[in-house]
Protein backbone atom coordinates (compact mmCIF):
# COMPACT_ATOMS: atom_id res chain seq x y z
CA MET A 1 78.05 69.26 63.35
CA GLU A 2 77.61 66.06 61.59
CA LYS A 3 80.35 64.67 64.61
CA GLU A 4 77.94 66.04 67.24
CA LEU A 5 74.91 64.25 65.66
CA PHE A 6 77.00 61.13 65.47
CA ASP A 7 78.16 61.54 68.90
CA ASP A 8 74.39 62.15 70.18
CA LEU A 9 73.40 59.03 68.17
CA VAL A 10 76.28 56.68 69.59
CA ALA A 11 75.34 58.20 73.30
CA ALA A 12 71.96 57.36 72.59
CA LEU A 13 72.46 53.83 71.37
CA ASN A 14 74.75 53.39 74.77
CA GLU A 15 71.90 54.73 76.76
CA SER A 16 69.69 52.15 75.35
CA ILE A 17 71.99 49.53 76.08
CA GLU A 18 72.37 50.56 79.52
CA TYR A 19 68.47 50.44 79.62
CA GLU A 20 68.35 47.07 78.09
CA ARG A 21 70.83 45.69 80.38
CA ARG A 22 69.17 46.72 83.39
CA ASN A 23 65.69 45.23 82.04
CA ILE A 24 66.80 42.13 80.23
CA LYS A 25 68.54 39.06 82.07
CA HIS A 26 70.57 38.12 78.97
CA LEU A 27 72.05 41.34 79.08
CA ASP A 28 73.12 41.71 82.46
CA ASN A 29 76.93 41.14 81.86
CA MET A 30 77.09 42.81 78.06
CA ASN A 31 79.30 45.68 77.85
CA ILE A 32 79.28 46.65 74.32
CA GLU A 33 81.09 49.62 72.70
CA TYR A 34 80.31 50.95 69.11
CA LYS A 35 83.19 52.19 67.42
CA LYS A 36 83.62 53.93 63.95
CA ASP A 37 87.28 54.67 64.53
CA LEU A 38 88.96 51.41 63.68
CA SER A 39 92.55 52.44 64.61
CA GLU A 40 92.65 50.34 68.00
CA VAL A 41 90.70 47.34 66.31
CA THR A 42 93.15 44.37 65.50
CA GLU A 43 93.02 41.20 63.71
CA ALA A 44 93.23 39.16 67.24
CA MET A 45 89.89 40.83 68.17
CA PHE A 46 88.14 39.00 64.98
CA LEU A 47 86.61 35.46 65.70
CA GLY A 48 83.13 33.79 64.68
CA PHE A 49 82.45 35.28 61.73
CA PHE A 50 81.48 34.12 57.88
CA GLU A 51 80.08 31.16 59.51
CA GLY A 52 79.09 28.63 56.69
CA TRP A 53 81.51 30.47 54.24
CA ALA A 54 83.06 27.91 51.68
CA ASN A 55 86.03 30.39 51.77
CA PRO A 56 86.02 32.69 54.50
CA PRO A 57 88.38 35.68 54.73
CA SER A 58 91.39 35.44 57.26
CA ALA A 59 90.96 37.98 60.06
CA ALA A 60 93.43 40.18 58.35
CA THR A 61 91.58 40.28 55.42
CA HIS A 62 88.35 41.10 57.17
CA LEU A 63 89.98 43.92 59.20
CA ALA A 64 91.24 45.21 55.43
CA ILE A 65 87.85 44.96 54.41
CA LEU A 66 86.41 47.15 56.94
CA GLN A 67 89.38 49.47 56.80
CA ASN A 68 88.92 50.02 52.89
CA SER A 69 85.39 50.53 53.22
CA TYR A 70 83.62 53.96 52.67
CA ARG A 71 81.98 53.45 56.38
CA ALA A 72 82.37 50.87 58.92
CA PHE A 73 81.33 50.34 62.56
CA VAL A 74 82.40 47.47 64.82
CA ALA A 75 80.49 46.51 68.07
CA VAL A 76 83.21 45.12 70.65
CA ASP A 77 82.60 43.29 73.78
CA LYS A 78 84.68 45.47 76.20
CA GLU A 79 84.76 42.66 78.78
CA CYS A 80 86.90 40.59 76.39
CA ASN A 81 87.83 42.97 73.89
CA ARG A 82 86.56 41.39 71.05
CA VAL A 83 84.67 42.40 68.07
CA VAL A 84 81.18 40.63 68.32
CA GLY A 85 79.58 42.38 65.01
CA PHE A 86 80.29 44.51 62.44
CA ILE A 87 79.04 46.71 59.22
CA ASN A 88 80.18 48.21 56.50
CA ALA A 89 79.36 50.16 53.30
CA VAL A 90 80.69 50.98 50.08
CA SER A 91 79.72 54.21 48.21
CA ASP A 92 80.57 56.79 45.71
CA GLY A 93 80.44 59.42 48.44
CA ILE A 94 77.78 61.44 46.52
CA LEU A 95 74.55 59.69 45.69
CA THR A 96 74.68 55.53 46.35
CA ALA A 97 75.96 53.50 48.85
CA TYR A 98 75.51 49.56 49.25
CA ILE A 99 75.74 47.80 52.51
CA PRO A 100 77.48 44.51 51.74
CA LEU A 101 77.95 43.04 54.97
CA LEU A 102 76.68 43.09 58.04
CA GLU A 103 76.97 40.08 60.85
CA VAL A 104 76.56 39.42 64.71
CA VAL A 105 78.66 36.41 66.57
CA LYS A 106 76.14 33.91 66.94
CA SER A 107 76.05 34.13 70.47
CA TYR A 108 75.71 37.64 70.50
CA GLN A 109 72.70 37.65 68.13
CA GLY A 110 68.98 38.32 69.52
CA MET A 111 70.44 41.43 71.50
CA GLY A 112 69.97 44.38 69.43
CA ILE A 113 73.68 44.67 68.38
CA GLY A 114 72.67 44.16 64.56
CA SER A 115 69.90 46.72 65.11
CA ASN A 116 72.37 49.18 66.49
CA LEU A 117 74.71 48.89 63.75
CA VAL A 118 72.30 49.45 61.24
CA LYS A 119 71.18 52.19 62.87
CA LEU A 120 74.35 53.80 63.13
CA MET A 121 75.06 53.38 59.77
CA LEU A 122 71.86 54.75 58.01
CA ALA A 123 72.87 57.71 60.57
CA GLU A 124 75.98 58.28 58.56
CA LEU A 125 74.48 57.72 55.01
CA GLU A 126 71.35 59.54 55.75
CA ASN A 127 72.35 62.44 53.02
CA MET A 128 72.81 59.56 50.10
CA TYR A 129 69.57 59.34 47.66
CA MET A 130 70.29 55.33 47.42
CA ILE A 131 71.15 52.82 50.16
CA ASP A 132 71.08 49.39 48.68
CA ILE A 133 71.03 45.92 51.03
CA CYS A 134 70.99 42.74 49.36
CA HIS A 135 70.34 40.22 51.69
CA ASP A 136 68.73 36.62 51.97
CA ALA A 137 64.91 36.29 51.95
CA GLU A 138 64.59 35.65 55.70
CA LEU A 139 66.32 38.89 56.79
CA SER A 140 63.33 40.94 54.72
CA THR A 141 61.38 41.65 57.93
CA PHE A 142 64.58 42.64 60.06
CA TYR A 143 65.58 44.98 57.31
CA ALA A 144 61.76 46.14 56.97
CA LYS A 145 61.94 47.52 60.46
CA PHE A 146 64.32 50.40 59.23
CA GLY A 147 61.95 51.44 56.47
CA THR A 148 63.54 49.47 53.59
CA PHE A 149 61.01 47.94 50.94
CA ARG A 150 61.57 45.27 48.41
CA GLY A 151 63.14 45.84 45.06
CA HIS A 152 64.55 43.39 42.69
CA ALA A 153 68.30 42.74 41.87
CA SER A 154 70.24 40.73 39.83
CA LEU A 155 73.59 39.20 41.86
CA PHE A 156 76.43 37.41 40.77
CA ARG A 157 78.53 35.22 43.31
CA ASN A 158 81.90 33.67 42.10
CA PHE A 159 82.50 31.10 44.89
CA THR A 160 85.71 29.90 43.31
CA ALA A 161 87.34 33.56 43.62
CA ARG A 162 90.69 33.99 45.30
CA TYR A 163 90.55 37.14 46.89
CA ILE A 164 93.59 38.17 48.80
CA ASN A 165 93.53 36.55 52.38
CA THR A 166 96.08 38.47 53.87
């Protein structure tokens, strides 16, 4: 039943994209597919992410992050076989989940890809009591569309960390 619900959501999103493609000029040539199964996603498909990061993960590390997540989705432009957006969640699988990363390649922003990725992830995590997303202040309006509310968080970032950049 869970797979049927997921398949129905993906079908509805793809129908929505088809509608937008017909009705919004800048989507005329879009051919986006949303994938939960990352088995066919390769490092070569990742370009243009982590813009502005002092020490961005390599494509191999990026793929490993998604593969090792509790849940992850990618948006793939089928015309060029390129990942143009992604979202991931880490979780205890019972009560809580955290969405640490959501990004859409700059040239694909404003086309609903990020919103679709959030909708897919929230549907996947719907039985969790607590889903946390920490984001920059300017993204509050974007996330509020999905029913989030402002809270307080304390954050630590180790900008000199040397994670394994495979």
